[in-house]
PDB file of N, CA and C in Angstrom:
ATOM      1  N   MET A   1     -38.849  10.842  13.705  1.00  0.00           N
ATOM      2  CA  MET A   1     -37.941  11.301  12.657  1.00  0.00           C
ATOM      3  C   MET A   1     -38.992  11.557  11.210  1.00  0.00           C
ATOM      4  N   SER A   2     -38.450  12.144  10.321  1.00  0.00           N
ATOM      5  CA  SER A   2     -39.521  12.274   9.148  1.00  0.00           C
ATOM      6  C   SER A   2     -38.822  11.853   8.107  1.00  0.00           C
ATOM      7  N   ASP A   3     -39.207  11.668   7.218  1.00  0.00           N
ATOM      8  CA  ASP A   3     -38.717  11.368   5.720  1.00  0.00           C
ATOM      9  C   ASP A   3     -39.225  12.354   4.825  1.00  0.00           C
ATOM     10  N   ASP A   4     -39.638  13.453   5.100  1.00  0.00           N
ATOM     11  CA  ASP A   4     -39.867  14.731   4.593  1.00  0.00           C
ATOM     12  C   ASP A   4     -38.726  15.066   3.401  1.00  0.00           C
ATOM     13  N   GLU A   5     -37.523  15.077   4.408  1.00  0.00           N
ATOM     14  CA  GLU A   5     -36.518  16.013   4.215  1.00  0.00           C
ATOM     15  C   GLU A   5     -35.815  14.985   2.863  1.00  0.00           C
ATOM     16  N   PRO A   6     -35.595  15.700   1.781  1.00  0.00           N
ATOM     17  CA  PRO A   6     -34.668  15.301   0.834  1.00  0.00           C
ATOM     18  C   PRO A   6     -33.311  14.375   1.092  1.00  0.00           C
ATOM     19  N   ALA A   7     -33.078  13.347   0.610  1.00  0.00           N
ATOM     20  CA  ALA A   7     -31.597  12.403   0.809  1.00  0.00           C
ATOM     21  C   ALA A   7     -30.388  13.552   0.789  1.00  0.00           C
ATOM     22  N   GLU A   8     -29.652  13.507   1.452  1.00  0.00           N
ATOM     23  CA  GLU A   8     -28.304  14.152   1.220  1.00  0.00           C
ATOM     24  C   GLU A   8     -27.582  13.439   0.067  1.00  0.00           C
ATOM     25  N   GLU A   9     -27.292  13.774  -1.140  1.00  0.00           N
ATOM     26  CA  GLU A   9     -26.445  13.004  -2.310  1.00  0.00           C
ATOM     27  C   GLU A   9     -24.901  12.982  -2.048  1.00  0.00           C
ATOM     28  N   GLY A  10     -24.511  14.056  -0.858  1.00  0.00           N
ATOM     29  CA  GLY A  10     -23.123  14.260  -0.517  1.00  0.00           C
ATOM     30  C   GLY A  10     -22.766  13.260   0.546  1.00  0.00           C
ATOM     31  N   ARG A  11     -23.407  12.518   0.990  1.00  0.00           N
ATOM     32  CA  ARG A  11     -23.184  11.627   2.192  1.00  0.00           C
ATOM     33  C   ARG A  11     -22.340  10.027   1.441  1.00  0.00           C
ATOM     34  N   VAL A  12     -21.338   9.743   2.216  1.00  0.00           N
ATOM     35  CA  VAL A  12     -20.906   8.793   1.979  1.00  0.00           C
ATOM     36  C   VAL A  12     -20.988   7.823   2.977  1.00  0.00           C
ATOM     37  N   THR A  13     -21.090   6.453   2.827  1.00  0.00           N
ATOM     38  CA  THR A  13     -20.904   5.084   3.844  1.00  0.00           C
ATOM     39  C   THR A  13     -19.315   5.160   4.036  1.00  0.00           C
ATOM     40  N   ALA A  14     -19.199   4.185   5.129  1.00  0.00           N
ATOM     41  CA  ALA A  14     -17.820   3.936   5.528  1.00  0.00           C
ATOM     42  C   ALA A  14     -17.331   2.603   4.186  1.00  0.00           C
ATOM     43  N   PRO A  15     -18.214   1.714   4.221  1.00  0.00           N
ATOM     44  CA  PRO A  15     -17.652   0.702   3.220  1.00  0.00           C
ATOM     45  C   PRO A  15     -17.350   1.515   1.809  1.00  0.00           C
ATOM     46  N   MET A  16     -18.003   2.653   1.443  1.00  0.00           N
ATOM     47  CA  MET A  16     -17.834   3.248   0.137  1.00  0.00           C
ATOM     48  C   MET A  16     -16.590   3.612  -0.261  1.00  0.00           C
ATOM     49  N   GLN A  17     -16.055   4.441   0.963  1.00  0.00           N
ATOM     50  CA  GLN A  17     -14.801   5.104   0.987  1.00  0.00           C
ATOM     51  C   GLN A  17     -13.330   4.258   0.877  1.00  0.00           C
ATOM     52  N   ALA A  18     -12.624   4.982  -0.087  1.00  0.00           N
ATOM     53  CA  ALA A  18     -11.294   4.747  -0.326  1.00  0.00           C
ATOM     54  C   ALA A  18     -10.537   4.401   0.739  1.00  0.00           C
ATOM     55  N   PHE A  19      -9.683   3.655   0.565  1.00  0.00           N
ATOM     56  CA  PHE A  19      -8.424   3.172   1.907  1.00  0.00           C
ATOM     57  C   PHE A  19      -7.117   2.956   1.278  1.00  0.00           C
ATOM     58  N   GLU A  20      -5.984   3.859   1.712  1.00  0.00           N
ATOM     59  CA  GLU A  20      -4.930   3.533   1.325  1.00  0.00           C
ATOM     60  C   GLU A  20      -3.904   2.051   1.902  1.00  0.00           C
ATOM     61  N   SER A  21      -3.023   1.621   1.659  1.00  0.00           N
ATOM     62  CA  SER A  21      -2.097   0.832   1.748  1.00  0.00           C
ATOM     63  C   SER A  21      -1.799   1.128   3.367  1.00  0.00           C
ATOM     64  N   SER A  22      -1.627   2.343   3.512  1.00  0.00           N
ATOM     65  CA  SER A  22      -0.670   2.315   4.961  1.00  0.00           C
ATOM     66  C   SER A  22      -1.747   2.158   5.476  1.00  0.00           C
ATOM     67  N   GLU A  23      -3.245   2.666   5.661  1.00  0.00           N
ATOM     68  CA  GLU A  23      -4.252   2.197   6.432  1.00  0.00           C
ATOM     69  C   GLU A  23      -4.494   0.841   6.611  1.00  0.00           C
ATOM     70  N   VAL A  24      -4.389   0.054   5.883  1.00  0.00           N
ATOM     71  CA  VAL A  24      -4.310  -1.464   5.777  1.00  0.00           C
ATOM     72  C   VAL A  24      -2.896  -2.351   6.744  1.00  0.00           C
ATOM     73  N   THR A  25      -2.158  -1.403   6.588  1.00  0.00           N
ATOM     74  CA  THR A  25      -0.552  -1.900   7.609  1.00  0.00           C
ATOM     75  C   THR A  25      -1.267  -1.091   8.772  1.00  0.00           C
ATOM     76  N   ILE A  26      -1.277  -0.544   8.796  1.00  0.00           N
ATOM     77  CA  ILE A  26      -1.583   0.022  10.450  1.00  0.00           C
ATOM     78  C   ILE A  26      -2.947  -1.017  11.066  1.00  0.00           C
ATOM     79  N   GLY A  27      -3.835  -1.381  10.391  1.00  0.00           N
ATOM     80  CA  GLY A  27      -5.124  -2.048  10.846  1.00  0.00           C
ATOM     81  C   GLY A  27      -4.549  -3.546  10.868  1.00  0.00           C
ATOM     82  N   PHE A  28      -3.544  -3.842  10.231  1.00  0.00           N
ATOM     83  CA  PHE A  28      -2.821  -5.438  10.407  1.00  0.00           C
ATOM     84  C   PHE A  28      -2.033  -5.338  11.359  1.00  0.00           C
ATOM     85  N   ILE A  29      -1.416  -4.349  11.692  1.00  0.00           N
ATOM     86  CA  ILE A  29      -0.635  -4.128  12.942  1.00  0.00           C
ATOM     87  C   ILE A  29      -1.406  -4.001  14.290  1.00  0.00           C
ATOM     88  N   VAL A  30      -2.246  -3.467  14.686  1.00  0.00           N
ATOM     89  CA  VAL A  30      -3.376  -3.387  15.388  1.00  0.00           C
ATOM     90  C   VAL A  30      -3.924  -4.626  15.535  1.00  0.00           C
ATOM     91  N   LEU A  31      -4.319  -5.298  14.774  1.00  0.00           N
ATOM     92  CA  LEU A  31      -4.809  -6.684  14.529  1.00  0.00           C
ATOM     93  C   LEU A  31      -3.696  -7.711  15.521  1.00  0.00           C
ATOM     94  N   LEU A  32      -2.185  -7.720  14.891  1.00  0.00           N
ATOM     95  CA  LEU A  32      -1.177  -8.616  15.500  1.00  0.00           C
ATOM     96  C   LEU A  32      -1.056  -8.195  16.926  1.00  0.00           C
ATOM     97  N   ILE A  33      -1.188  -7.099  17.312  1.00  0.00           N
ATOM     98  CA  ILE A  33      -1.327  -6.677  18.763  1.00  0.00           C
ATOM     99  C   ILE A  33      -2.323  -7.116  19.580  1.00  0.00           C
ATOM    100  N   GLY A  34      -3.324  -7.071  19.055  1.00  0.00           N
ATOM    101  CA  GLY A  34      -4.270  -7.454  19.543  1.00  0.00           C
ATOM    102  C   GLY A  34      -4.820  -8.956  19.503  1.00  0.00           C
ATOM    103  N   LEU A  35      -3.913  -9.635  19.015  1.00  0.00           N
ATOM    104  CA  LEU A  35      -4.023 -11.459  19.004  1.00  0.00           C
ATOM    105  C   LEU A  35      -3.117 -11.471  19.537  1.00  0.00           C
ATOM    106  N   ALA A  36      -1.771 -10.682  20.249  1.00  0.00           N
ATOM    107  CA  ALA A  36      -0.910 -11.295  20.967  1.00  0.00           C
ATOM    108  C   ALA A  36      -1.647 -11.082  22.491  1.00  0.00           C
ATOM    109  N   ILE A  37      -1.898 -10.176  22.623  1.00  0.00           N
ATOM    110  CA  ILE A  37      -2.563  -9.754  23.918  1.00  0.00           C
ATOM    111  C   ILE A  37      -3.951 -11.032  24.311  1.00  0.00           C
ATOM    112  N   ALA A  38      -4.705 -11.485  23.159  1.00  0.00           N
ATOM    113  CA  ALA A  38      -5.486 -12.267  23.458  1.00  0.00           C
ATOM    114  C   ALA A  38      -4.993 -13.524  23.323  1.00  0.00           C
ATOM    115  N   PHE A  39      -4.220 -13.833  23.243  1.00  0.00           N
ATOM    116  CA  PHE A  39      -3.680 -15.505  23.071  1.00  0.00           C
ATOM    117  C   PHE A  39      -1.876 -15.762  23.816  1.00  0.00           C
ATOM    118  N   VAL A  40      -1.254 -14.893  22.991  1.00  0.00           N
ATOM    119  CA  VAL A  40      -0.025 -15.022  23.348  1.00  0.00           C
ATOM    120  C   VAL A  40       0.496 -15.093  25.062  1.00  0.00           C
ATOM    121  N   LEU A  41      -0.065 -13.556  25.397  1.00  0.00           N
ATOM    122  CA  LEU A  41       0.075 -13.234  26.496  1.00  0.00           C
ATOM    123  C   LEU A  41      -0.444 -14.094  27.558  1.00  0.00           C
ATOM    124  N   PRO A  42      -1.517 -14.477  27.620  1.00  0.00           N
ATOM    125  CA  PRO A  42      -2.128 -15.294  28.388  1.00  0.00           C
ATOM    126  C   PRO A  42      -0.966 -16.957  28.635  1.00  0.00           C
ATOM    127  N   LEU A  43      -0.920 -17.291  27.594  1.00  0.00           N
ATOM    128  CA  LEU A  43      -0.068 -18.620  27.520  1.00  0.00           C
ATOM    129  C   LEU A  43       1.304 -18.423  27.898  1.00  0.00           C
ATOM    130  N   ALA A  44       1.941 -17.098  28.104  1.00  0.00           N
ATOM    131  CA  ALA A  44       3.184 -16.861  28.636  1.00  0.00           C
ATOM    132  C   ALA A  44       2.954 -16.974  30.368  1.00  0.00           C
ATOM    133  N   PHE A  45       1.958 -17.143  31.279  1.00  0.00           N
ATOM    134  CA  PHE A  45       1.921 -16.721  32.466  1.00  0.00           C
ATOM    135  C   PHE A  45       1.502 -17.880  32.598  1.00  0.00           C
TER     136      PHE A  45
END
């Protein structure tokens, strides 16, 4: 790879992107499901 090409000013990295509260809610639900699978489900059997 070469650094001869100019940097693209339009590129946005993930930590810089805005997110909505609905995306936070979905992420929290996915977290709860993952924790339930990892901890609660094994203890139930």
